[in-house]
């Protein structure tokens, strides 16, 4: 892995990189949910393979299952925070 010095980047380069990655909140949320869905599908497939006897290493299945569990818990916590934020906004008087 190559690490560049900070002085090699100029500010316009950094700004152009940020403009290229200018995604909205909806895009970030959709990408995150797609990744969580992929992790869930991967864990499910690993479990099915284990049941069929195709997996020789049980640790891989356990890691995939635990990763899926953590991703789902994080998603639920994010949803709860978003709902709380929405409710706070709705309580604001105009």
N, C-alpha and C. Protein backbone atom coordinates (compact mmCIF):
# COMPACT_ATOMS: atom_id res chain seq x y z
N UNK A 1 0.84 -1.17 0.00
CA UNK A 1 0.00 0.00 0.00
C UNK A 1 0.89 1.23 0.00
N UNK A 2 0.59 2.14 -0.92
CA UNK A 2 1.39 3.35 -1.06
C UNK A 2 0.70 4.50 -0.36
N UNK A 3 1.45 5.22 0.45
CA UNK A 3 0.90 6.37 1.17
C UNK A 3 1.56 7.62 0.62
N UNK A 4 0.74 8.55 0.08
CA UNK A 4 1.25 9.80 -0.47
C UNK A 4 1.32 10.85 0.63
N UNK A 5 2.28 11.74 0.47
CA UNK A 5 2.37 12.86 1.41
C UNK A 5 1.22 13.83 1.17
N UNK A 6 0.84 14.53 2.19
CA UNK A 6 -0.27 15.48 2.08
C UNK A 6 0.08 16.60 1.12
N UNK A 7 1.34 17.00 1.07
CA UNK A 7 1.72 18.13 0.23
C UNK A 7 1.61 17.83 -1.26
N UNK A 8 1.46 16.55 -1.65
CA UNK A 8 1.35 16.23 -3.07
C UNK A 8 -0.01 16.58 -3.64
N UNK A 9 -1.01 16.77 -2.80
CA UNK A 9 -2.34 17.12 -3.26
C UNK A 9 -2.53 18.63 -3.19
N UNK A 10 -3.10 19.17 -4.21
CA UNK A 10 -3.45 20.58 -4.17
C UNK A 10 -4.94 20.69 -3.88
N UNK A 11 -5.37 21.82 -3.43
CA UNK A 11 -6.78 22.00 -3.05
C UNK A 11 -7.72 21.80 -4.24
N UNK A 12 -7.41 22.31 -5.44
CA UNK A 12 -8.34 22.05 -6.56
C UNK A 12 -8.51 20.56 -6.85
N UNK A 13 -7.44 19.76 -6.68
CA UNK A 13 -7.58 18.32 -6.91
C UNK A 13 -8.56 17.72 -5.92
N UNK A 14 -8.43 18.11 -4.67
CA UNK A 14 -9.32 17.58 -3.64
C UNK A 14 -10.75 18.01 -3.90
N UNK A 15 -10.94 19.28 -4.30
CA UNK A 15 -12.30 19.75 -4.58
C UNK A 15 -12.91 19.02 -5.76
N UNK A 16 -12.10 18.74 -6.80
CA UNK A 16 -12.66 18.03 -7.96
C UNK A 16 -13.02 16.61 -7.59
N UNK A 17 -12.24 15.98 -6.68
CA UNK A 17 -12.59 14.63 -6.23
C UNK A 17 -13.88 14.64 -5.46
N UNK A 18 -14.08 15.67 -4.63
CA UNK A 18 -15.31 15.76 -3.86
C UNK A 18 -16.51 16.01 -4.75
N UNK A 19 -16.35 16.79 -5.82
CA UNK A 19 -17.47 17.06 -6.71
C UNK A 19 -17.87 15.81 -7.49
N UNK A 20 -16.87 14.98 -7.82
CA UNK A 20 -17.19 13.75 -8.54
C UNK A 20 -17.96 12.78 -7.66
N UNK A 21 -17.71 12.82 -6.36
CA UNK A 21 -18.40 11.93 -5.44
C UNK A 21 -19.60 12.59 -4.80
N UNK A 22 -20.15 13.58 -5.44
CA UNK A 22 -21.26 14.33 -4.88
C UNK A 22 -22.55 13.51 -5.00
N UNK A 23 -22.80 12.71 -3.98
CA UNK A 23 -24.01 11.90 -3.95
C UNK A 23 -24.96 12.48 -2.92
N UNK A 24 -26.22 12.36 -3.17
CA UNK A 24 -27.21 12.84 -2.23
C UNK A 24 -27.45 11.83 -1.12
N UNK A 25 -28.22 12.28 -0.12
CA UNK A 25 -28.53 11.42 1.01
C UNK A 25 -29.27 10.17 0.55
N UNK A 26 -30.17 10.34 -0.40
CA UNK A 26 -30.93 9.20 -0.93
C UNK A 26 -30.01 8.16 -1.55
N UNK A 27 -28.99 8.63 -2.29
CA UNK A 27 -28.04 7.71 -2.92
C UNK A 27 -27.23 6.95 -1.88
N UNK A 28 -26.76 7.69 -0.84
CA UNK A 28 -26.00 7.02 0.22
C UNK A 28 -26.86 5.98 0.91
N UNK A 29 -28.09 6.33 1.21
CA UNK A 29 -28.99 5.41 1.91
C UNK A 29 -29.28 4.18 1.06
N UNK A 30 -29.53 4.41 -0.23
CA UNK A 30 -29.82 3.29 -1.13
C UNK A 30 -28.61 2.37 -1.26
N UNK A 31 -27.41 2.97 -1.42
CA UNK A 31 -26.20 2.14 -1.52
C UNK A 31 -25.97 1.33 -0.25
N UNK A 32 -26.19 1.96 0.91
CA UNK A 32 -26.01 1.25 2.17
C UNK A 32 -26.99 0.10 2.30
N UNK A 33 -28.25 0.35 1.98
CA UNK A 33 -29.26 -0.71 2.08
C UNK A 33 -28.98 -1.85 1.09
N UNK A 34 -28.48 -1.50 -0.08
CA UNK A 34 -28.11 -2.54 -1.05
C UNK A 34 -26.98 -3.42 -0.51
N UNK A 35 -25.99 -2.77 0.16
CA UNK A 35 -24.89 -3.54 0.74
C UNK A 35 -25.38 -4.46 1.85
N UNK A 36 -26.27 -3.94 2.69
CA UNK A 36 -26.82 -4.77 3.78
C UNK A 36 -27.59 -5.94 3.19
N UNK A 37 -28.34 -5.69 2.13
CA UNK A 37 -29.09 -6.77 1.48
C UNK A 37 -28.15 -7.83 0.92
N UNK A 38 -27.05 -7.38 0.31
CA UNK A 38 -26.07 -8.33 -0.24
C UNK A 38 -25.44 -9.17 0.88
N UNK A 39 -25.16 -8.53 2.01
CA UNK A 39 -24.57 -9.26 3.15
C UNK A 39 -25.57 -10.30 3.66
N UNK A 40 -26.85 -9.95 3.73
CA UNK A 40 -27.87 -10.89 4.18
C UNK A 40 -27.98 -12.08 3.22
N UNK A 41 -27.97 -11.79 1.93
CA UNK A 41 -28.07 -12.86 0.93
C UNK A 41 -26.84 -13.77 1.00
N UNK A 42 -25.66 -13.17 1.19
CA UNK A 42 -24.43 -13.95 1.31
C UNK A 42 -24.49 -14.89 2.51
N UNK A 43 -24.98 -14.37 3.64
CA UNK A 43 -25.09 -15.21 4.84
C UNK A 43 -26.10 -16.33 4.64
N UNK A 44 -27.20 -16.01 3.98
CA UNK A 44 -28.22 -17.03 3.72
C UNK A 44 -27.68 -18.13 2.81
N UNK A 45 -26.96 -17.72 1.76
CA UNK A 45 -26.36 -18.70 0.85
C UNK A 45 -25.33 -19.57 1.56
N UNK A 46 -24.53 -18.94 2.45
CA UNK A 46 -23.53 -19.71 3.20
C UNK A 46 -24.21 -20.72 4.11
N UNK A 47 -25.31 -20.32 4.72
CA UNK A 47 -26.05 -21.24 5.59
C UNK A 47 -26.64 -22.41 4.80
N UNK A 48 -27.19 -22.09 3.65
CA UNK A 48 -27.76 -23.15 2.80
C UNK A 48 -26.67 -24.12 2.35
N UNK A 49 -25.51 -23.57 1.98
CA UNK A 49 -24.39 -24.43 1.58
C UNK A 49 -23.93 -25.31 2.73
N UNK A 50 -23.95 -24.76 3.95
CA UNK A 50 -23.56 -25.55 5.12
C UNK A 50 -24.55 -26.70 5.35
N UNK A 51 -25.83 -26.41 5.19
CA UNK A 51 -26.85 -27.44 5.38
C UNK A 51 -26.69 -28.56 4.35
N UNK A 52 -26.35 -28.15 3.12
CA UNK A 52 -26.16 -29.14 2.06
C UNK A 52 -24.88 -29.94 2.25
N UNK A 53 -23.96 -29.41 3.07
CA UNK A 53 -22.69 -30.09 3.29
C UNK A 53 -21.60 -29.65 2.34
N UNK A 54 -21.85 -28.55 1.60
CA UNK A 54 -20.86 -28.06 0.64
C UNK A 54 -19.74 -27.26 1.31
N UNK A 55 -19.95 -26.76 2.52
CA UNK A 55 -18.95 -25.93 3.21
C UNK A 55 -18.15 -26.81 4.16
N UNK A 56 -16.84 -26.71 4.04
CA UNK A 56 -15.99 -27.51 4.92
C UNK A 56 -15.56 -26.71 6.14
N UNK A 57 -15.55 -25.37 6.03
CA UNK A 57 -15.10 -24.53 7.13
C UNK A 57 -16.32 -23.84 7.77
N UNK A 58 -16.66 -24.27 8.95
CA UNK A 58 -17.81 -23.71 9.66
C UNK A 58 -17.58 -22.25 10.04
N UNK A 59 -16.32 -21.88 10.22
CA UNK A 59 -16.01 -20.51 10.62
C UNK A 59 -16.47 -19.50 9.58
N UNK A 60 -16.34 -19.82 8.31
CA UNK A 60 -16.78 -18.90 7.26
C UNK A 60 -18.28 -18.63 7.36
N UNK A 61 -19.04 -19.67 7.65
CA UNK A 61 -20.49 -19.51 7.78
C UNK A 61 -20.80 -18.66 9.01
N UNK A 62 -20.11 -18.92 10.11
CA UNK A 62 -20.34 -18.16 11.33
C UNK A 62 -19.98 -16.69 11.15
N UNK A 63 -18.87 -16.42 10.46
CA UNK A 63 -18.47 -15.03 10.21
C UNK A 63 -19.49 -14.33 9.32
N UNK A 64 -19.94 -14.99 8.26
CA UNK A 64 -20.94 -14.39 7.37
C UNK A 64 -22.25 -14.12 8.11
N UNK A 65 -22.65 -15.05 8.96
CA UNK A 65 -23.89 -14.89 9.72
C UNK A 65 -23.77 -13.75 10.73
N UNK A 66 -22.63 -13.69 11.41
CA UNK A 66 -22.43 -12.62 12.40
C UNK A 66 -22.35 -11.25 11.72
N UNK A 67 -21.71 -11.21 10.55
CA UNK A 67 -21.62 -9.95 9.80
C UNK A 67 -23.02 -9.49 9.39
N UNK A 68 -23.85 -10.42 8.96
CA UNK A 68 -25.21 -10.09 8.58
C UNK A 68 -26.02 -9.59 9.78
N UNK A 69 -25.80 -10.23 10.93
CA UNK A 69 -26.50 -9.82 12.15
C UNK A 69 -26.10 -8.41 12.55
N UNK A 70 -24.80 -8.11 12.52
CA UNK A 70 -24.34 -6.77 12.89
C UNK A 70 -24.84 -5.71 11.91
N UNK A 71 -24.83 -6.04 10.62
CA UNK A 71 -25.31 -5.09 9.62
C UNK A 71 -26.79 -4.79 9.83
N UNK A 72 -27.56 -5.82 10.16
CA UNK A 72 -28.99 -5.61 10.38
C UNK A 72 -29.24 -4.79 11.65
N UNK A 73 -28.47 -5.06 12.72
CA UNK A 73 -28.62 -4.28 13.95
C UNK A 73 -28.26 -2.81 13.73
N UNK A 74 -27.20 -2.57 12.97
CA UNK A 74 -26.81 -1.19 12.66
C UNK A 74 -27.90 -0.50 11.84
N UNK A 75 -28.48 -1.22 10.89
CA UNK A 75 -29.53 -0.65 10.07
C UNK A 75 -30.75 -0.28 10.91
N UNK A 76 -31.11 -1.14 11.85
CA UNK A 76 -32.26 -0.85 12.72
C UNK A 76 -31.96 0.37 13.59
N UNK A 77 -30.73 0.48 14.10
CA UNK A 77 -30.37 1.64 14.91
C UNK A 77 -30.41 2.92 14.07
N UNK A 78 -29.94 2.86 12.83
CA UNK A 78 -30.01 4.03 11.95
C UNK A 78 -31.45 4.41 11.66
N UNK A 79 -32.29 3.42 11.44
CA UNK A 79 -33.70 3.70 11.20
C UNK A 79 -34.32 4.38 12.41
N UNK A 80 -34.00 3.88 13.61
CA UNK A 80 -34.55 4.49 14.82
C UNK A 80 -34.11 5.94 14.96
N UNK A 81 -32.85 6.22 14.65
CA UNK A 81 -32.34 7.59 14.72
C UNK A 81 -33.04 8.48 13.70
N UNK A 82 -33.27 7.95 12.50
CA UNK A 82 -33.96 8.73 11.48
C UNK A 82 -35.40 9.03 11.88
N UNK A 83 -36.06 8.05 12.47
CA UNK A 83 -37.44 8.25 12.91
C UNK A 83 -37.48 9.28 14.04
N UNK A 84 -36.52 9.21 14.98
CA UNK A 84 -36.45 10.19 16.05
C UNK A 84 -36.22 11.60 15.50
N UNK A 85 -35.32 11.71 14.53
CA UNK A 85 -35.05 13.01 13.93
C UNK A 85 -36.30 13.54 13.23
N UNK A 86 -37.01 12.67 12.53
CA UNK A 86 -38.24 13.09 11.85
C UNK A 86 -39.29 13.57 12.85
N UNK A 87 -39.41 12.84 13.96
CA UNK A 87 -40.39 13.25 14.97
C UNK A 87 -40.01 14.58 15.61
N UNK A 88 -38.73 14.82 15.83
CA UNK A 88 -38.29 16.10 16.38
C UNK A 88 -38.60 17.24 15.41
N UNK A 89 -38.39 16.99 14.13
CA UNK A 89 -38.68 18.02 13.13
C UNK A 89 -40.18 18.30 13.09
N UNK A 90 -41.00 17.26 13.22
CA UNK A 90 -42.45 17.46 13.17
C UNK A 90 -42.97 18.22 14.39
N UNK A 91 -42.23 18.16 15.51
CA UNK A 91 -42.65 18.87 16.72
C UNK A 91 -42.30 20.35 16.66
N UNK A 92 -41.43 20.74 15.75
CA UNK A 92 -41.01 22.14 15.66
C UNK A 92 -42.18 23.01 15.24
N UNK A 93 -42.28 24.15 15.91
CA UNK A 93 -43.33 25.09 15.55
C UNK A 93 -42.80 26.05 14.52
N UNK A 94 -43.63 26.31 13.54
CA UNK A 94 -43.23 27.22 12.46
C UNK A 94 -43.70 28.63 12.77
